[in-house]
Amino acid sequence: MESQDVITYTQKIVKVIDDEKTAKVIQDENLFPVLKYLQKGPMTIMDLVSIFKKSGEEKSDKTIYRYLHTLIKVKLVAKAGKRIISITEDELKSETLYMRTAKAFIFPEALKHDKDMEKGFCPVFDATRLLLKPVLDGKTLDSDCFQKFLFKIDQERDDLLVELFKNIEDSSIQEINELNWRELDYCLNYSSWAAIAAKLNLKKELAKCK
């Protein structure tokens, strides 16, 4: 059987999530994998059923439909078009395609209010503190201060990315739009770190946690 995807939805490059409800949906352990798989491009429900099965987390088509319905309600996913399938020369069928509303989501409010997530990251914070000792005269940073520093930096990076996209030229938008989701992730990370480095003296900020 031959098939052709007809896309009618225009995906954004970046979408800023500025409400707590949507941020919680992104972090939901059942819904997040759907967003992750859709990074690869538009998919049908059966595409997603197949991917979940291969990952060892089998889900029914009804469950996937329910997940997609929730994601559509908060505008993280949209119906992207149709996959037209040729069964015979005279018989066609179509399946709905689903797509993320943006290649990347920025949700600056999410981490600030999720205390469980903050606790879950503690081993990462502790390991990072130890790794940084050589560049801080062999001193270990205060745990609470360092954790607050990292969350502050994450917030600053998100805010700077929003500002960068507000001031970007149309020609640059077109070039960025050509990036796939993985390339865009690199672009956003590099851009936000370069912007924060230009704005703050990071070593001086870190020294406050000695």
Protein backbone atom coordinates (compact mmCIF):
# COMPACT_ATOMS: atom_id res chain seq x y z
CA MET A 1 0.00 0.00 0.00
CA GLU A 2 1.22 3.46 -0.89
CA SER A 3 0.62 6.47 1.32
CA GLN A 4 1.05 10.22 1.19
CA ASP A 5 1.03 12.70 4.06
CA VAL A 6 -0.88 15.93 3.45
CA ILE A 7 0.13 18.54 6.05
CA THR A 8 -2.19 21.51 6.58
CA TYR A 9 -0.87 22.81 9.93
CA THR A 10 2.02 25.29 10.26
CA GLN A 11 4.21 24.44 13.23
CA LYS A 12 5.89 27.20 15.24
CA ILE A 13 9.61 27.13 15.97
CA VAL A 14 9.30 27.90 19.68
CA LYS A 15 6.30 28.27 21.97
CA VAL A 16 6.50 29.85 25.42
CA ILE A 17 4.39 28.07 28.04
CA ASP A 18 3.34 30.71 30.55
CA ASP A 19 0.70 28.92 32.61
CA GLU A 20 1.14 26.31 35.32
CA LYS A 21 -1.58 23.97 34.00
CA THR A 22 0.13 23.49 30.64
CA ALA A 23 3.55 23.14 32.27
CA LYS A 24 2.19 20.30 34.42
CA VAL A 25 0.80 18.57 31.32
CA ILE A 26 4.26 18.67 29.70
CA GLN A 27 5.76 17.06 32.81
CA ASP A 28 3.08 14.34 33.08
CA GLU A 29 4.83 10.95 32.88
CA ASN A 30 2.19 9.56 30.50
CA LEU A 31 1.92 12.58 28.21
CA PHE A 32 5.57 13.60 27.93
CA PRO A 33 6.55 10.51 25.85
CA VAL A 34 3.93 11.45 23.25
CA LEU A 35 5.49 14.91 22.88
CA LYS A 36 8.93 13.33 22.71
CA TYR A 37 7.96 10.90 19.94
CA LEU A 38 6.21 13.65 17.97
CA GLN A 39 9.52 15.54 17.83
CA LYS A 40 10.34 13.28 14.89
CA GLY A 41 7.45 14.68 12.87
CA PRO A 42 3.72 14.24 12.23
CA MET A 43 2.32 10.83 13.22
CA THR A 44 -0.94 8.92 13.24
CA ILE A 45 -2.34 7.20 16.29
CA MET A 46 -1.18 3.84 14.92
CA ASP A 47 2.34 5.24 14.41
CA LEU A 48 2.40 6.14 18.10
CA VAL A 49 0.96 2.76 19.13
CA SER A 50 3.83 1.10 17.24
CA ILE A 51 6.50 3.32 18.82
CA PHE A 52 5.18 2.74 22.34
CA LYS A 53 5.17 -1.02 21.69
CA LYS A 54 8.79 -0.97 20.50
CA SER A 55 9.77 1.00 23.62
CA GLY A 56 8.30 -1.71 25.85
CA GLU A 57 5.48 0.55 27.08
CA GLU A 58 2.53 -0.82 25.11
CA LYS A 59 -0.50 1.48 24.84
CA SER A 60 -3.83 0.91 23.11
CA ASP A 61 -5.09 3.18 20.36
CA LYS A 62 -7.84 4.40 22.72
CA THR A 63 -5.25 5.38 25.33
CA ILE A 64 -3.14 7.22 22.74
CA TYR A 65 -6.26 9.03 21.51
CA ARG A 66 -7.01 10.13 25.08
CA TYR A 67 -3.43 11.40 25.53
CA LEU A 68 -3.62 13.35 22.27
CA HIS A 69 -7.00 14.82 23.20
CA THR A 70 -5.51 16.15 26.46
CA LEU A 71 -2.49 17.62 24.63
CA ILE A 72 -4.72 19.25 22.01
CA LYS A 73 -6.85 20.89 24.74
CA VAL A 74 -3.78 22.73 26.10
CA LYS A 75 -2.52 23.48 22.56
CA LEU A 76 0.67 21.43 22.76
CA VAL A 77 -0.47 19.18 19.90
CA ALA A 78 -2.63 19.89 16.85
CA LYS A 79 -4.24 17.90 14.07
CA ALA A 80 -1.68 18.35 11.31
CA GLY A 81 -3.46 16.90 8.30
CA LYS A 82 -4.17 13.49 6.79
CA ARG A 83 -2.28 10.41 5.67
CA ILE A 84 -3.90 9.18 2.45
CA ILE A 85 -3.47 5.44 1.97
CA SER A 86 -4.09 3.69 -1.37
CA ILE A 87 -5.59 0.27 -0.64
CA THR A 88 -6.42 -0.44 -4.29
CA GLU A 89 -6.57 1.71 -7.41
CA ASP A 90 -10.16 2.61 -6.56
CA GLU A 91 -10.10 2.51 -2.76
CA LEU A 92 -8.50 5.10 -0.48
CA LYS A 93 -8.57 5.59 3.26
CA SER A 94 -7.26 8.39 5.43
CA GLU A 95 -5.84 8.67 8.94
CA THR A 96 -5.44 11.86 10.98
CA LEU A 97 -1.90 13.12 11.52
CA TYR A 98 -0.89 14.80 14.77
CA MET A 99 1.93 17.29 15.29
CA ARG A 100 3.46 19.30 18.12
CA THR A 101 2.35 22.92 17.91
CA ALA A 102 6.03 23.93 18.18
CA LYS A 103 9.39 22.28 17.63
CA ALA A 104 10.47 23.42 21.09
CA PHE A 105 8.60 24.44 24.22
CA ILE A 106 9.96 26.90 26.77
CA PHE A 107 8.19 26.81 30.10
CA PRO A 108 9.97 29.12 32.55
CA GLU A 109 7.38 28.75 35.30
CA ALA A 110 7.47 24.96 35.46
CA LEU A 111 10.55 24.34 37.57
CA LYS A 112 9.89 27.10 40.10
CA HIS A 113 6.75 25.47 41.49
CA ASP A 114 7.60 21.77 41.24
CA LYS A 115 9.24 20.90 44.56
CA ASP A 116 9.29 17.18 43.80
CA MET A 117 11.31 17.86 40.66
CA GLU A 118 13.75 20.00 42.63
CA LYS A 119 14.27 17.19 45.15
CA GLY A 120 14.71 14.69 42.35
CA PHE A 121 17.55 16.72 40.88
CA CYS A 122 19.56 16.81 44.14
CA PRO A 123 22.00 14.03 43.11
CA VAL A 124 22.74 16.00 39.94
CA PHE A 125 23.35 19.18 41.94
CA ASP A 126 25.70 17.39 44.34
CA ALA A 127 27.68 15.77 41.53
CA THR A 128 27.94 19.11 39.71
CA ARG A 129 29.20 20.86 42.85
CA LEU A 130 32.00 18.31 43.18
CA LEU A 131 32.93 18.60 39.52
CA LEU A 132 33.29 22.39 39.80
CA LYS A 133 35.75 22.31 42.74
CA PRO A 134 38.91 22.71 40.57
CA VAL A 135 37.68 26.01 39.08
CA LEU A 136 36.64 27.35 42.50
CA ASP A 137 39.97 27.06 44.30
CA GLY A 138 39.15 23.58 45.56
CA LYS A 139 36.15 24.77 47.57
CA THR A 140 32.81 22.97 47.62
CA LEU A 141 29.76 25.14 47.04
CA ASP A 142 26.94 25.35 49.56
CA SER A 143 24.21 22.94 48.44
CA ASP A 144 21.14 25.17 48.93
CA CYS A 145 22.84 28.24 47.47
CA PHE A 146 24.06 26.29 44.43
CA GLN A 147 20.62 24.83 43.78
CA LYS A 148 19.06 28.31 43.89
CA PHE A 149 21.82 29.56 41.58
CA LEU A 150 21.07 26.88 38.97
CA PHE A 151 17.34 27.53 39.01
CA LYS A 152 18.01 31.25 38.71
CA ILE A 153 20.27 30.63 35.70
CA ASP A 154 17.66 28.39 34.07
CA GLN A 155 15.06 31.12 34.53
CA GLU A 156 17.42 33.77 33.13
CA ARG A 157 18.23 31.59 30.11
CA ASP A 158 14.54 31.06 29.36
CA ASP A 159 13.83 34.79 29.68
CA LEU A 160 16.74 35.64 27.40
CA LEU A 161 15.57 33.14 24.77
CA VAL A 162 12.15 34.78 24.76
CA GLU A 163 13.81 38.18 24.25
CA LEU A 164 16.03 36.83 21.47
CA PHE A 165 13.01 35.52 19.55
CA LYS A 166 11.14 38.79 20.05
CA ASN A 167 13.96 40.68 18.33
CA ILE A 168 14.93 38.18 15.64
CA GLU A 169 14.89 39.16 11.95
CA ASP A 170 12.59 37.42 9.48
CA SER A 171 15.54 36.04 7.49
CA SER A 172 16.95 34.45 10.64
CA ILE A 173 13.56 32.93 11.50
CA GLN A 174 13.49 31.23 8.10
CA GLU A 175 16.96 29.76 8.63
CA ILE A 176 16.16 28.52 12.15
CA ASN A 177 12.93 26.98 10.88
CA GLU A 178 14.99 24.68 8.65
CA LEU A 179 16.52 23.00 11.72
CA ASN A 180 15.18 19.66 12.89
CA TRP A 181 14.19 19.29 16.56
CA ARG A 182 17.62 18.00 17.65
CA GLU A 183 19.49 20.79 15.87
CA LEU A 184 17.06 23.34 17.32
CA ASP A 185 17.70 21.98 20.82
CA TYR A 186 21.44 22.56 20.34
CA CYS A 187 20.74 26.03 18.93
CA LEU A 188 18.59 27.05 21.90
CA ASN A 189 21.09 25.71 24.44
CA TYR A 190 24.11 27.37 22.83
CA SER A 191 22.25 30.66 22.33
CA SER A 192 20.93 30.81 25.89
CA TRP A 193 24.33 30.01 27.44
CA ALA A 194 26.10 32.54 25.24
CA ALA A 195 23.49 35.16 26.14
CA ILE A 196 23.74 34.47 29.89
CA ALA A 197 27.55 34.55 29.73
CA ALA A 198 27.40 37.97 28.08
CA LYS A 199 24.98 39.25 30.73
CA LEU A 200 26.38 37.79 33.97
CA ASN A 201 29.77 37.15 35.52
CA LEU A 202 29.06 33.49 36.27
CA LYS A 203 32.24 32.88 38.27
CA LYS A 204 31.44 35.86 40.48
CA GLU A 205 27.87 34.59 40.97
CA LEU A 206 29.15 31.12 41.86
CA ALA A 207 31.62 32.56 44.36
CA LYS A 208 28.66 33.73 46.45
CA CYS A 209 27.94 30.06 47.22
CA LYS A 210 31.39 29.23 48.66
